[in-house]
């Protein structure tokens, strides 16, 4: 809510791929 660009960064690229592999698989 304070730093939306940080959230955008986390939900993209390698960060998103890491989260999907970690939490989904």
PDBML (XML) file of the C-alpha atoms, coordinates in Angstrom:
<?xml version="1.0" encoding="UTF-8" ?>
<PDBx:datablock datablockName="MODEL"
   xmlns:PDBx="http://pdbml.pdb.org/schema/pdbx-v50.xsd"
   xmlns:xsi="http://www.w3.org/2001/XMLSchema-instance"
   xsi:schemaLocation="http://pdbml.pdb.org/schema/pdbx-v50.xsd pdbx-v50.xsd">
   <PDBx:atom_siteCategory>
      <PDBx:atom_site id="1">
         <PDBx:B_iso_or_equiv>0.00</PDBx:B_iso_or_equiv>
         <PDBx:Cartn_x>0.000</PDBx:Cartn_x>
         <PDBx:Cartn_y>0.000</PDBx:Cartn_y>
         <PDBx:Cartn_z>0.000</PDBx:Cartn_z>
         <PDBx:auth_asym_id>A</PDBx:auth_asym_id>
         <PDBx:auth_atom_id>CA</PDBx:auth_atom_id>
         <PDBx:auth_comp_id>UNK</PDBx:auth_comp_id>
         <PDBx:auth_seq_id>1</PDBx:auth_seq_id>
         <PDBx:group_PDB>ATOM</PDBx:group_PDB>
         <PDBx:label_alt_id xsi:nil="true" />
         <PDBx:label_asym_id>A</PDBx:label_asym_id>
         <PDBx:label_atom_id>CA</PDBx:label_atom_id>
         <PDBx:label_comp_id>UNK</PDBx:label_comp_id>
         <PDBx:label_entity_id>1</PDBx:label_entity_id>
         <PDBx:label_seq_id>1</PDBx:label_seq_id>
         <PDBx:occupancy>1.00</PDBx:occupancy>
         <PDBx:pdbx_PDB_model_num>1</PDBx:pdbx_PDB_model_num>
         <PDBx:type_symbol>C</PDBx:type_symbol>
      </PDBx:atom_site>
      <PDBx:atom_site id="2">
         <PDBx:B_iso_or_equiv>0.00</PDBx:B_iso_or_equiv>
         <PDBx:Cartn_x>2.945</PDBx:Cartn_x>
         <PDBx:Cartn_y>2.346</PDBx:Cartn_y>
         <PDBx:Cartn_z>0.706</PDBx:Cartn_z>
         <PDBx:auth_asym_id>A</PDBx:auth_asym_id>
         <PDBx:auth_atom_id>CA</PDBx:auth_atom_id>
         <PDBx:auth_comp_id>UNK</PDBx:auth_comp_id>
         <PDBx:auth_seq_id>2</PDBx:auth_seq_id>
         <PDBx:group_PDB>ATOM</PDBx:group_PDB>
         <PDBx:label_alt_id xsi:nil="true" />
         <PDBx:label_asym_id>A</PDBx:label_asym_id>
         <PDBx:label_atom_id>CA</PDBx:label_atom_id>
         <PDBx:label_comp_id>UNK</PDBx:label_comp_id>
         <PDBx:label_entity_id>1</PDBx:label_entity_id>
         <PDBx:label_seq_id>2</PDBx:label_seq_id>
         <PDBx:occupancy>1.00</PDBx:occupancy>
         <PDBx:pdbx_PDB_model_num>1</PDBx:pdbx_PDB_model_num>
         <PDBx:type_symbol>C</PDBx:type_symbol>
      </PDBx:atom_site>
      <PDBx:atom_site id="3">
         <PDBx:B_iso_or_equiv>0.00</PDBx:B_iso_or_equiv>
         <PDBx:Cartn_x>5.376</PDBx:Cartn_x>
         <PDBx:Cartn_y>1.062</PDBx:Cartn_y>
         <PDBx:Cartn_z>-1.891</PDBx:Cartn_z>
         <PDBx:auth_asym_id>A</PDBx:auth_asym_id>
         <PDBx:auth_atom_id>CA</PDBx:auth_atom_id>
         <PDBx:auth_comp_id>UNK</PDBx:auth_comp_id>
         <PDBx:auth_seq_id>3</PDBx:auth_seq_id>
         <PDBx:group_PDB>ATOM</PDBx:group_PDB>
         <PDBx:label_alt_id xsi:nil="true" />
         <PDBx:label_asym_id>A</PDBx:label_asym_id>
         <PDBx:label_atom_id>CA</PDBx:label_atom_id>
         <PDBx:label_comp_id>UNK</PDBx:label_comp_id>
         <PDBx:label_entity_id>1</PDBx:label_entity_id>
         <PDBx:label_seq_id>3</PDBx:label_seq_id>
         <PDBx:occupancy>1.00</PDBx:occupancy>
         <PDBx:pdbx_PDB_model_num>1</PDBx:pdbx_PDB_model_num>
         <PDBx:type_symbol>C</PDBx:type_symbol>
      </PDBx:atom_site>
      <PDBx:atom_site id="4">
         <PDBx:B_iso_or_equiv>0.00</PDBx:B_iso_or_equiv>
         <PDBx:Cartn_x>3.332</PDBx:Cartn_x>
         <PDBx:Cartn_y>-0.451</PDBx:Cartn_y>
         <PDBx:Cartn_z>-4.773</PDBx:Cartn_z>
         <PDBx:auth_asym_id>A</PDBx:auth_asym_id>
         <PDBx:auth_atom_id>CA</PDBx:auth_atom_id>
         <PDBx:auth_comp_id>UNK</PDBx:auth_comp_id>
         <PDBx:auth_seq_id>4</PDBx:auth_seq_id>
         <PDBx:group_PDB>ATOM</PDBx:group_PDB>
         <PDBx:label_alt_id xsi:nil="true" />
         <PDBx:label_asym_id>A</PDBx:label_asym_id>
         <PDBx:label_atom_id>CA</PDBx:label_atom_id>
         <PDBx:label_comp_id>UNK</PDBx:label_comp_id>
         <PDBx:label_entity_id>1</PDBx:label_entity_id>
         <PDBx:label_seq_id>4</PDBx:label_seq_id>
         <PDBx:occupancy>1.00</PDBx:occupancy>
         <PDBx:pdbx_PDB_model_num>1</PDBx:pdbx_PDB_model_num>
         <PDBx:type_symbol>C</PDBx:type_symbol>
      </PDBx:atom_site>
      <PDBx:atom_site id="5">
         <PDBx:B_iso_or_equiv>0.00</PDBx:B_iso_or_equiv>
         <PDBx:Cartn_x>6.358</PDBx:Cartn_x>
         <PDBx:Cartn_y>-0.626</PDBx:Cartn_y>
         <PDBx:Cartn_z>-7.058</PDBx:Cartn_z>
         <PDBx:auth_asym_id>A</PDBx:auth_asym_id>
         <PDBx:auth_atom_id>CA</PDBx:auth_atom_id>
         <PDBx:auth_comp_id>UNK</PDBx:auth_comp_id>
         <PDBx:auth_seq_id>5</PDBx:auth_seq_id>
         <PDBx:group_PDB>ATOM</PDBx:group_PDB>
         <PDBx:label_alt_id xsi:nil="true" />
         <PDBx:label_asym_id>A</PDBx:label_asym_id>
         <PDBx:label_atom_id>CA</PDBx:label_atom_id>
         <PDBx:label_comp_id>UNK</PDBx:label_comp_id>
         <PDBx:label_entity_id>1</PDBx:label_entity_id>
         <PDBx:label_seq_id>5</PDBx:label_seq_id>
         <PDBx:occupancy>1.00</PDBx:occupancy>
         <PDBx:pdbx_PDB_model_num>1</PDBx:pdbx_PDB_model_num>
         <PDBx:type_symbol>C</PDBx:type_symbol>
      </PDBx:atom_site>
      <PDBx:atom_site id="6">
         <PDBx:B_iso_or_equiv>0.00</PDBx:B_iso_or_equiv>
         <PDBx:Cartn_x>7.954</PDBx:Cartn_x>
         <PDBx:Cartn_y>-3.066</PDBx:Cartn_y>
         <PDBx:Cartn_z>-4.638</PDBx:Cartn_z>
         <PDBx:auth_asym_id>A</PDBx:auth_asym_id>
         <PDBx:auth_atom_id>CA</PDBx:auth_atom_id>
         <PDBx:auth_comp_id>UNK</PDBx:auth_comp_id>
         <PDBx:auth_seq_id>6</PDBx:auth_seq_id>
         <PDBx:group_PDB>ATOM</PDBx:group_PDB>
         <PDBx:label_alt_id xsi:nil="true" />
         <PDBx:label_asym_id>A</PDBx:label_asym_id>
         <PDBx:label_atom_id>CA</PDBx:label_atom_id>
         <PDBx:label_comp_id>UNK</PDBx:label_comp_id>
         <PDBx:label_entity_id>1</PDBx:label_entity_id>
         <PDBx:label_seq_id>6</PDBx:label_seq_id>
         <PDBx:occupancy>1.00</PDBx:occupancy>
         <PDBx:pdbx_PDB_model_num>1</PDBx:pdbx_PDB_model_num>
         <PDBx:type_symbol>C</PDBx:type_symbol>
      </PDBx:atom_site>
      <PDBx:atom_site id="7">
         <PDBx:B_iso_or_equiv>0.00</PDBx:B_iso_or_equiv>
         <PDBx:Cartn_x>4.874</PDBx:Cartn_x>
         <PDBx:Cartn_y>-5.280</PDBx:Cartn_y>
         <PDBx:Cartn_z>-4.858</PDBx:Cartn_z>
         <PDBx:auth_asym_id>A</PDBx:auth_asym_id>
         <PDBx:auth_atom_id>CA</PDBx:auth_atom_id>
         <PDBx:auth_comp_id>UNK</PDBx:auth_comp_id>
         <PDBx:auth_seq_id>7</PDBx:auth_seq_id>
         <PDBx:group_PDB>ATOM</PDBx:group_PDB>
         <PDBx:label_alt_id xsi:nil="true" />
         <PDBx:label_asym_id>A</PDBx:label_asym_id>
         <PDBx:label_atom_id>CA</PDBx:label_atom_id>
         <PDBx:label_comp_id>UNK</PDBx:label_comp_id>
         <PDBx:label_entity_id>1</PDBx:label_entity_id>
         <PDBx:label_seq_id>7</PDBx:label_seq_id>
         <PDBx:occupancy>1.00</PDBx:occupancy>
         <PDBx:pdbx_PDB_model_num>1</PDBx:pdbx_PDB_model_num>
         <PDBx:type_symbol>C</PDBx:type_symbol>
      </PDBx:atom_site>
      <PDBx:atom_site id="8">
         <PDBx:B_iso_or_equiv>0.00</PDBx:B_iso_or_equiv>
         <PDBx:Cartn_x>4.990</PDBx:Cartn_x>
         <PDBx:Cartn_y>-5.062</PDBx:Cartn_y>
         <PDBx:Cartn_z>-8.639</PDBx:Cartn_z>
         <PDBx:auth_asym_id>A</PDBx:auth_asym_id>
         <PDBx:auth_atom_id>CA</PDBx:auth_atom_id>
         <PDBx:auth_comp_id>UNK</PDBx:auth_comp_id>
         <PDBx:auth_seq_id>8</PDBx:auth_seq_id>
         <PDBx:group_PDB>ATOM</PDBx:group_PDB>
         <PDBx:label_alt_id xsi:nil="true" />
         <PDBx:label_asym_id>A</PDBx:label_asym_id>
         <PDBx:label_atom_id>CA</PDBx:label_atom_id>
         <PDBx:label_comp_id>UNK</PDBx:label_comp_id>
         <PDBx:label_entity_id>1</PDBx:label_entity_id>
         <PDBx:label_seq_id>8</PDBx:label_seq_id>
         <PDBx:occupancy>1.00</PDBx:occupancy>
         <PDBx:pdbx_PDB_model_num>1</PDBx:pdbx_PDB_model_num>
         <PDBx:type_symbol>C</PDBx:type_symbol>
      </PDBx:atom_site>
      <PDBx:atom_site id="9">
         <PDBx:B_iso_or_equiv>0.00</PDBx:B_iso_or_equiv>
         <PDBx:Cartn_x>8.633</PDBx:Cartn_x>
         <PDBx:Cartn_y>-6.148</PDBx:Cartn_y>
         <PDBx:Cartn_z>-8.589</PDBx:Cartn_z>
         <PDBx:auth_asym_id>A</PDBx:auth_asym_id>
         <PDBx:auth_atom_id>CA</PDBx:auth_atom_id>
         <PDBx:auth_comp_id>UNK</PDBx:auth_comp_id>
         <PDBx:auth_seq_id>9</PDBx:auth_seq_id>
         <PDBx:group_PDB>ATOM</PDBx:group_PDB>
         <PDBx:label_alt_id xsi:nil="true" />
         <PDBx:label_asym_id>A</PDBx:label_asym_id>
         <PDBx:label_atom_id>CA</PDBx:label_atom_id>
         <PDBx:label_comp_id>UNK</PDBx:label_comp_id>
         <PDBx:label_entity_id>1</PDBx:label_entity_id>
         <PDBx:label_seq_id>9</PDBx:label_seq_id>
         <PDBx:occupancy>1.00</PDBx:occupancy>
         <PDBx:pdbx_PDB_model_num>1</PDBx:pdbx_PDB_model_num>
         <PDBx:type_symbol>C</PDBx:type_symbol>
      </PDBx:atom_site>
      <PDBx:atom_site id="10">
         <PDBx:B_iso_or_equiv>0.00</PDBx:B_iso_or_equiv>
         <PDBx:Cartn_x>7.943</PDBx:Cartn_x>
         <PDBx:Cartn_y>-9.122</PDBx:Cartn_y>
         <PDBx:Cartn_z>-6.328</PDBx:Cartn_z>
         <PDBx:auth_asym_id>A</PDBx:auth_asym_id>
         <PDBx:auth_atom_id>CA</PDBx:auth_atom_id>
         <PDBx:auth_comp_id>UNK</PDBx:auth_comp_id>
         <PDBx:auth_seq_id>10</PDBx:auth_seq_id>
         <PDBx:group_PDB>ATOM</PDBx:group_PDB>
         <PDBx:label_alt_id xsi:nil="true" />
         <PDBx:label_asym_id>A</PDBx:label_asym_id>
         <PDBx:label_atom_id>CA</PDBx:label_atom_id>
         <PDBx:label_comp_id>UNK</PDBx:label_comp_id>
         <PDBx:label_entity_id>1</PDBx:label_entity_id>
         <PDBx:label_seq_id>10</PDBx:label_seq_id>
         <PDBx:occupancy>1.00</PDBx:occupancy>
         <PDBx:pdbx_PDB_model_num>1</PDBx:pdbx_PDB_model_num>
         <PDBx:type_symbol>C</PDBx:type_symbol>
      </PDBx:atom_site>
      <PDBx:atom_site id="11">
         <PDBx:B_iso_or_equiv>0.00</PDBx:B_iso_or_equiv>
         <PDBx:Cartn_x>5.068</PDBx:Cartn_x>
         <PDBx:Cartn_y>-10.319</PDBx:Cartn_y>
         <PDBx:Cartn_z>-8.512</PDBx:Cartn_z>
         <PDBx:auth_asym_id>A</PDBx:auth_asym_id>
         <PDBx:auth_atom_id>CA</PDBx:auth_atom_id>
         <PDBx:auth_comp_id>UNK</PDBx:auth_comp_id>
         <PDBx:auth_seq_id>11</PDBx:auth_seq_id>
         <PDBx:group_PDB>ATOM</PDBx:group_PDB>
         <PDBx:label_alt_id xsi:nil="true" />
         <PDBx:label_asym_id>A</PDBx:label_asym_id>
         <PDBx:label_atom_id>CA</PDBx:label_atom_id>
         <PDBx:label_comp_id>UNK</PDBx:label_comp_id>
         <PDBx:label_entity_id>1</PDBx:label_entity_id>
         <PDBx:label_seq_id>11</PDBx:label_seq_id>
         <PDBx:occupancy>1.00</PDBx:occupancy>
         <PDBx:pdbx_PDB_model_num>1</PDBx:pdbx_PDB_model_num>
         <PDBx:type_symbol>C</PDBx:type_symbol>
      </PDBx:atom_site>
      <PDBx:atom_site id="12">
         <PDBx:B_iso_or_equiv>0.00</PDBx:B_iso_or_equiv>
         <PDBx:Cartn_x>7.142</PDBx:Cartn_x>
         <PDBx:Cartn_y>-10.404</PDBx:Cartn_y>
         <PDBx:Cartn_z>-11.685</PDBx:Cartn_z>
         <PDBx:auth_asym_id>A</PDBx:auth_asym_id>
         <PDBx:auth_atom_id>CA</PDBx:auth_atom_id>
         <PDBx:auth_comp_id>UNK</PDBx:auth_comp_id>
         <PDBx:auth_seq_id>12</PDBx:auth_seq_id>
         <PDBx:group_PDB>ATOM</PDBx:group_PDB>
         <PDBx:label_alt_id xsi:nil="true" />
         <PDBx:label_asym_id>A</PDBx:label_asym_id>
         <PDBx:label_atom_id>CA</PDBx:label_atom_id>
         <PDBx:label_comp_id>UNK</PDBx:label_comp_id>
         <PDBx:label_entity_id>1</PDBx:label_entity_id>
         <PDBx:label_seq_id>12</PDBx:label_seq_id>
         <PDBx:occupancy>1.00</PDBx:occupancy>
         <PDBx:pdbx_PDB_model_num>1</PDBx:pdbx_PDB_model_num>
         <PDBx:type_symbol>C</PDBx:type_symbol>
      </PDBx:atom_site>
      <PDBx:atom_site id="13">
         <PDBx:B_iso_or_equiv>0.00</PDBx:B_iso_or_equiv>
         <PDBx:Cartn_x>10.101</PDBx:Cartn_x>
         <PDBx:Cartn_y>-12.121</PDBx:Cartn_y>
         <PDBx:Cartn_z>-13.281</PDBx:Cartn_z>
         <PDBx:auth_asym_id>A</PDBx:auth_asym_id>
         <PDBx:auth_atom_id>CA</PDBx:auth_atom_id>
         <PDBx:auth_comp_id>UNK</PDBx:auth_comp_id>
         <PDBx:auth_seq_id>13</PDBx:auth_seq_id>
         <PDBx:group_PDB>ATOM</PDBx:group_PDB>
         <PDBx:label_alt_id xsi:nil="true" />
         <PDBx:label_asym_id>A</PDBx:label_asym_id>
         <PDBx:label_atom_id>CA</PDBx:label_atom_id>
         <PDBx:label_comp_id>UNK</PDBx:label_comp_id>
         <PDBx:label_entity_id>1</PDBx:label_entity_id>
         <PDBx:label_seq_id>13</PDBx:label_seq_id>
         <PDBx:occupancy>1.00</PDBx:occupancy>
         <PDBx:pdbx_PDB_model_num>1</PDBx:pdbx_PDB_model_num>
         <PDBx:type_symbol>C</PDBx:type_symbol>
      </PDBx:atom_site>
      <PDBx:atom_site id="14">
         <PDBx:B_iso_or_equiv>0.00</PDBx:B_iso_or_equiv>
         <PDBx:Cartn_x>12.277</PDBx:Cartn_x>
         <PDBx:Cartn_y>-14.460</PDBx:Cartn_y>
         <PDBx:Cartn_z>-11.265</PDBx:Cartn_z>
         <PDBx:auth_asym_id>A</PDBx:auth_asym_id>
         <PDBx:auth_atom_id>CA</PDBx:auth_atom_id>
         <PDBx:auth_comp_id>UNK</PDBx:auth_comp_id>
         <PDBx:auth_seq_id>14</PDBx:auth_seq_id>
         <PDBx:group_PDB>ATOM</PDBx:group_PDB>
         <PDBx:label_alt_id xsi:nil="true" />
         <PDBx:label_asym_id>A</PDBx:label_asym_id>
         <PDBx:label_atom_id>CA</PDBx:label_atom_id>
         <PDBx:label_comp_id>UNK</PDBx:label_comp_id>
         <PDBx:label_entity_id>1</PDBx:label_entity_id>
         <PDBx:label_seq_id>14</PDBx:label_seq_id>
         <PDBx:occupancy>1.00</PDBx:occupancy>
         <PDBx:pdbx_PDB_model_num>1</PDBx:pdbx_PDB_model_num>
         <PDBx:type_symbol>C</PDBx:type_symbol>
      </PDBx:atom_site>
      <PDBx:atom_site id="15">
         <PDBx:B_iso_or_equiv>0.00</PDBx:B_iso_or_equiv>
         <PDBx:Cartn_x>10.617</PDBx:Cartn_x>
         <PDBx:Cartn_y>-13.482</PDBx:Cartn_y>
         <PDBx:Cartn_z>-7.970</PDBx:Cartn_z>
         <PDBx:auth_asym_id>A</PDBx:auth_asym_id>
         <PDBx:auth_atom_id>CA</PDBx:auth_atom_id>
         <PDBx:auth_comp_id>UNK</PDBx:auth_comp_id>
         <PDBx:auth_seq_id>15</PDBx:auth_seq_id>
         <PDBx:group_PDB>ATOM</PDBx:group_PDB>
         <PDBx:label_alt_id xsi:nil="true" />
         <PDBx:label_asym_id>A</PDBx:label_asym_id>
         <PDBx:label_atom_id>CA</PDBx:label_atom_id>
         <PDBx:label_comp_id>UNK</PDBx:label_comp_id>
         <PDBx:label_entity_id>1</PDBx:label_entity_id>
         <PDBx:label_seq_id>15</PDBx:label_seq_id>
         <PDBx:occupancy>1.00</PDBx:occupancy>
         <PDBx:pdbx_PDB_model_num>1</PDBx:pdbx_PDB_model_num>
         <PDBx:type_symbol>C</PDBx:type_symbol>
      </PDBx:atom_site>
      <PDBx:atom_site id="16">
         <PDBx:B_iso_or_equiv>0.00</PDBx:B_iso_or_equiv>
         <PDBx:Cartn_x>7.239</PDBx:Cartn_x>
         <PDBx:Cartn_y>-14.693</PDBx:Cartn_y>
         <PDBx:Cartn_z>-9.229</PDBx:Cartn_z>
         <PDBx:auth_asym_id>A</PDBx:auth_asym_id>
         <PDBx:auth_atom_id>CA</PDBx:auth_atom_id>
         <PDBx:auth_comp_id>UNK</PDBx:auth_comp_id>
         <PDBx:auth_seq_id>16</PDBx:auth_seq_id>
         <PDBx:group_PDB>ATOM</PDBx:group_PDB>
         <PDBx:label_alt_id xsi:nil="true" />
         <PDBx:label_asym_id>A</PDBx:label_asym_id>
         <PDBx:label_atom_id>CA</PDBx:label_atom_id>
         <PDBx:label_comp_id>UNK</PDBx:label_comp_id>
         <PDBx:label_entity_id>1</PDBx:label_entity_id>
         <PDBx:label_seq_id>16</PDBx:label_seq_id>
         <PDBx:occupancy>1.00</PDBx:occupancy>
         <PDBx:pdbx_PDB_model_num>1</PDBx:pdbx_PDB_model_num>
         <PDBx:type_symbol>C</PDBx:type_symbol>
      </PDBx:atom_site>
      <PDBx:atom_site id="17">
         <PDBx:B_iso_or_equiv>0.00</PDBx:B_iso_or_equiv>
         <PDBx:Cartn_x>8.776</PDBx:Cartn_x>
         <PDBx:Cartn_y>-17.873</PDBx:Cartn_y>
         <PDBx:Cartn_z>-10.631</PDBx:Cartn_z>
         <PDBx:auth_asym_id>A</PDBx:auth_asym_id>
         <PDBx:auth_atom_id>CA</PDBx:auth_atom_id>
         <PDBx:auth_comp_id>UNK</PDBx:auth_comp_id>
         <PDBx:auth_seq_id>17</PDBx:auth_seq_id>
         <PDBx:group_PDB>ATOM</PDBx:group_PDB>
         <PDBx:label_alt_id xsi:nil="true" />
         <PDBx:label_asym_id>A</PDBx:label_asym_id>
         <PDBx:label_atom_id>CA</PDBx:label_atom_id>
         <PDBx:label_comp_id>UNK</PDBx:label_comp_id>
         <PDBx:label_entity_id>1</PDBx:label_entity_id>
         <PDBx:label_seq_id>17</PDBx:label_seq_id>
         <PDBx:occupancy>1.00</PDBx:occupancy>
         <PDBx:pdbx_PDB_model_num>1</PDBx:pdbx_PDB_model_num>
         <PDBx:type_symbol>C</PDBx:type_symbol>
      </PDBx:atom_site>
      <PDBx:atom_site id="18">
         <PDBx:B_iso_or_equiv>0.00</PDBx:B_iso_or_equiv>
         <PDBx:Cartn_x>10.442</PDBx:Cartn_x>
         <PDBx:Cartn_y>-18.550</PDBx:Cartn_y>
         <PDBx:Cartn_z>-7.264</PDBx:Cartn_z>
         <PDBx:auth_asym_id>A</PDBx:auth_asym_id>
         <PDBx:auth_atom_id>CA</PDBx:auth_atom_id>
         <PDBx:auth_comp_id>UNK</PDBx:auth_comp_id>
         <PDBx:auth_seq_id>18</PDBx:auth_seq_id>
         <PDBx:group_PDB>ATOM</PDBx:group_PDB>
         <PDBx:label_alt_id xsi:nil="true" />
         <PDBx:label_asym_id>A</PDBx:label_asym_id>
         <PDBx:label_atom_id>CA</PDBx:label_atom_id>
         <PDBx:label_comp_id>UNK</PDBx:label_comp_id>
         <PDBx:label_entity_id>1</PDBx:label_entity_id>
         <PDBx:label_seq_id>18</PDBx:label_seq_id>
         <PDBx:occupancy>1.00</PDBx:occupancy>
         <PDBx:pdbx_PDB_model_num>1</PDBx:pdbx_PDB_model_num>
         <PDBx:type_symbol>C</PDBx:type_symbol>
      </PDBx:atom_site>
      <PDBx:atom_site id="19">
         <PDBx:B_iso_or_equiv>0.00</PDBx:B_iso_or_equiv>
         <PDBx:Cartn_x>7.168</PDBx:Cartn_x>
         <PDBx:Cartn_y>-18.024</PDBx:Cartn_y>
         <PDBx:Cartn_z>-5.346</PDBx:Cartn_z>
         <PDBx:auth_asym_id>A</PDBx:auth_asym_id>
         <PDBx:auth_atom_id>CA</PDBx:auth_atom_id>
         <PDBx:auth_comp_id>UNK</PDBx:auth_comp_id>
         <PDBx:auth_seq_id>19</PDBx:auth_seq_id>
         <PDBx:group_PDB>ATOM</PDBx:group_PDB>
         <PDBx:label_alt_id xsi:nil="true" />
         <PDBx:label_asym_id>A</PDBx:label_asym_id>
         <PDBx:label_atom_id>CA</PDBx:label_atom_id>
         <PDBx:label_comp_id>UNK</PDBx:label_comp_id>
         <PDBx:label_entity_id>1</PDBx:label_entity_id>
         <PDBx:label_seq_id>19</PDBx:label_seq_id>
         <PDBx:occupancy>1.00</PDBx:occupancy>
         <PDBx:pdbx_PDB_model_num>1</PDBx:pdbx_PDB_model_num>
         <PDBx:type_symbol>C</PDBx:type_symbol>
      </PDBx:atom_site>
      <PDBx:atom_site id="20">
         <PDBx:B_iso_or_equiv>0.00</PDBx:B_iso_or_equiv>
         <PDBx:Cartn_x>5.241</PDBx:Cartn_x>
         <PDBx:Cartn_y>-20.332</PDBx:Cartn_y>
         <PDBx:Cartn_z>-7.659</PDBx:Cartn_z>
         <PDBx:auth_asym_id>A</PDBx:auth_asym_id>
         <PDBx:auth_atom_id>CA</PDBx:auth_atom_id>
         <PDBx:auth_comp_id>UNK</PDBx:auth_comp_id>
         <PDBx:auth_seq_id>20</PDBx:auth_seq_id>
         <PDBx:group_PDB>ATOM</PDBx:group_PDB>
         <PDBx:label_alt_id xsi:nil="true" />
         <PDBx:label_asym_id>A</PDBx:label_asym_id>
         <PDBx:label_atom_id>CA</PDBx:label_atom_id>
         <PDBx:label_comp_id>UNK</PDBx:label_comp_id>
         <PDBx:label_entity_id>1</PDBx:label_entity_id>
         <PDBx:label_seq_id>20</PDBx:label_seq_id>
         <PDBx:occupancy>1.00</PDBx:occupancy>
         <PDBx:pdbx_PDB_model_num>1</PDBx:pdbx_PDB_model_num>
         <PDBx:type_symbol>C</PDBx:type_symbol>
      </PDBx:atom_site>
      <PDBx:atom_site id="21">
         <PDBx:B_iso_or_equiv>0.00</PDBx:B_iso_or_equiv>
         <PDBx:Cartn_x>7.809</PDBx:Cartn_x>
         <PDBx:Cartn_y>-23.108</PDBx:Cartn_y>
         <PDBx:Cartn_z>-7.414</PDBx:Cartn_z>
         <PDBx:auth_asym_id>A</PDBx:auth_asym_id>
         <PDBx:auth_atom_id>CA</PDBx:auth_atom_id>
         <PDBx:auth_comp_id>UNK</PDBx:auth_comp_id>
         <PDBx:auth_seq_id>21</PDBx:auth_seq_id>
         <PDBx:group_PDB>ATOM</PDBx:group_PDB>
         <PDBx:label_alt_id xsi:nil="true" />
         <PDBx:label_asym_id>A</PDBx:label_asym_id>
         <PDBx:label_atom_id>CA</PDBx:label_atom_id>
         <PDBx:label_comp_id>UNK</PDBx:label_comp_id>
         <PDBx:label_entity_id>1</PDBx:label_entity_id>
         <PDBx:label_seq_id>21</PDBx:label_seq_id>
         <PDBx:occupancy>1.00</PDBx:occupancy>
         <PDBx:pdbx_PDB_model_num>1</PDBx:pdbx_PDB_model_num>
         <PDBx:type_symbol>C</PDBx:type_symbol>
      </PDBx:atom_site>
      <PDBx:atom_site id="22">
         <PDBx:B_iso_or_equiv>0.00</PDBx:B_iso_or_equiv>
         <PDBx:Cartn_x>8.138</PDBx:Cartn_x>
         <PDBx:Cartn_y>-22.657</PDBx:Cartn_y>
         <PDBx:Cartn_z>-3.651</PDBx:Cartn_z>
         <PDBx:auth_asym_id>A</PDBx:auth_asym_id>
         <PDBx:auth_atom_id>CA</PDBx:auth_atom_id>
         <PDBx:auth_comp_id>UNK</PDBx:auth_comp_id>
         <PDBx:auth_seq_id>22</PDBx:auth_seq_id>
         <PDBx:group_PDB>ATOM</PDBx:group_PDB>
         <PDBx:label_alt_id xsi:nil="true" />
         <PDBx:label_asym_id>A</PDBx:label_asym_id>
         <PDBx:label_atom_id>CA</PDBx:label_atom_id>
         <PDBx:label_comp_id>UNK</PDBx:label_comp_id>
         <PDBx:label_entity_id>1</PDBx:label_entity_id>
         <PDBx:label_seq_id>22</PDBx:label_seq_id>
         <PDBx:occupancy>1.00</PDBx:occupancy>
         <PDBx:pdbx_PDB_model_num>1</PDBx:pdbx_PDB_model_num>
         <PDBx:type_symbol>C</PDBx:type_symbol>
      </PDBx:atom_site>
      <PDBx:atom_site id="23">
         <PDBx:B_iso_or_equiv>0.00</PDBx:B_iso_or_equiv>
         <PDBx:Cartn_x>4.467</PDBx:Cartn_x>
         <PDBx:Cartn_y>-22.447</PDBx:Cartn_y>
         <PDBx:Cartn_z>-2.705</PDBx:Cartn_z>
         <PDBx:auth_asym_id>A</PDBx:auth_asym_id>
         <PDBx:auth_atom_id>CA</PDBx:auth_atom_id>
         <PDBx:auth_comp_id>UNK</PDBx:auth_comp_id>
         <PDBx:auth_seq_id>23</PDBx:auth_seq_id>
         <PDBx:group_PDB>ATOM</PDBx:group_PDB>
         <PDBx:label_alt_id xsi:nil="true" />
         <PDBx:label_asym_id>A</PDBx:label_asym_id>
         <PDBx:label_atom_id>CA</PDBx:label_atom_id>
         <PDBx:label_comp_id>UNK</PDBx:label_comp_id>
         <PDBx:label_entity_id>1</PDBx:label_entity_id>
         <PDBx:label_seq_id>23</PDBx:label_seq_id>
         <PDBx:occupancy>1.00</PDBx:occupancy>
         <PDBx:pdbx_PDB_model_num>1</PDBx:pdbx_PDB_model_num>
         <PDBx:type_symbol>C</PDBx:type_symbol>
      </PDBx:atom_site>
      <PDBx:atom_site id="24">
         <PDBx:B_iso_or_equiv>0.00</PDBx:B_iso_or_equiv>
         <PDBx:Cartn_x>2.838</PDBx:Cartn_x>
         <PDBx:Cartn_y>-24.406</PDBx:Cartn_y>
         <PDBx:Cartn_z>-5.522</PDBx:Cartn_z>
         <PDBx:auth_asym_id>A</PDBx:auth_asym_id>
         <PDBx:auth_atom_id>CA</PDBx:auth_atom_id>
         <PDBx:auth_comp_id>UNK</PDBx:auth_comp_id>
         <PDBx:auth_seq_id>24</PDBx:auth_seq_id>
         <PDBx:group_PDB>ATOM</PDBx:group_PDB>
         <PDBx:label_alt_id xsi:nil="true" />
         <PDBx:label_asym_id>A</PDBx:label_asym_id>
         <PDBx:label_atom_id>CA</PDBx:label_atom_id>
         <PDBx:label_comp_id>UNK</PDBx:label_comp_id>
         <PDBx:label_entity_id>1</PDBx:label_entity_id>
         <PDBx:label_seq_id>24</PDBx:label_seq_id>
         <PDBx:occupancy>1.00</PDBx:occupancy>
         <PDBx:pdbx_PDB_model_num>1</PDBx:pdbx_PDB_model_num>
         <PDBx:type_symbol>C</PDBx:type_symbol>
      </PDBx:atom_site>
      <PDBx:atom_site id="25">
         <PDBx:B_iso_or_equiv>0.00</PDBx:B_iso_or_equiv>
         <PDBx:Cartn_x>5.330</PDBx:Cartn_x>
         <PDBx:Cartn_y>-27.193</PDBx:Cartn_y>
         <PDBx:Cartn_z>-6.096</PDBx:Cartn_z>
         <PDBx:auth_asym_id>A</PDBx:auth_asym_id>
         <PDBx:auth_atom_id>CA</PDBx:auth_atom_id>
         <PDBx:auth_comp_id>UNK</PDBx:auth_comp_id>
         <PDBx:auth_seq_id>25</PDBx:auth_seq_id>
         <PDBx:group_PDB>ATOM</PDBx:group_PDB>
         <PDBx:label_alt_id xsi:nil="true" />
         <PDBx:label_asym_id>A</PDBx:label_asym_id>
         <PDBx:label_atom_id>CA</PDBx:label_atom_id>
         <PDBx:label_comp_id>UNK</PDBx:label_comp_id>
         <PDBx:label_entity_id>1</PDBx:label_entity_id>
         <PDBx:label_seq_id>25</PDBx:label_seq_id>
         <PDBx:occupancy>1.00</PDBx:occupancy>
         <PDBx:pdbx_PDB_model_num>1</PDBx:pdbx_PDB_model_num>
         <PDBx:type_symbol>C</PDBx:type_symbol>
      </PDBx:atom_site>
   </PDBx:atom_siteCategory>
</PDBx:datablock>
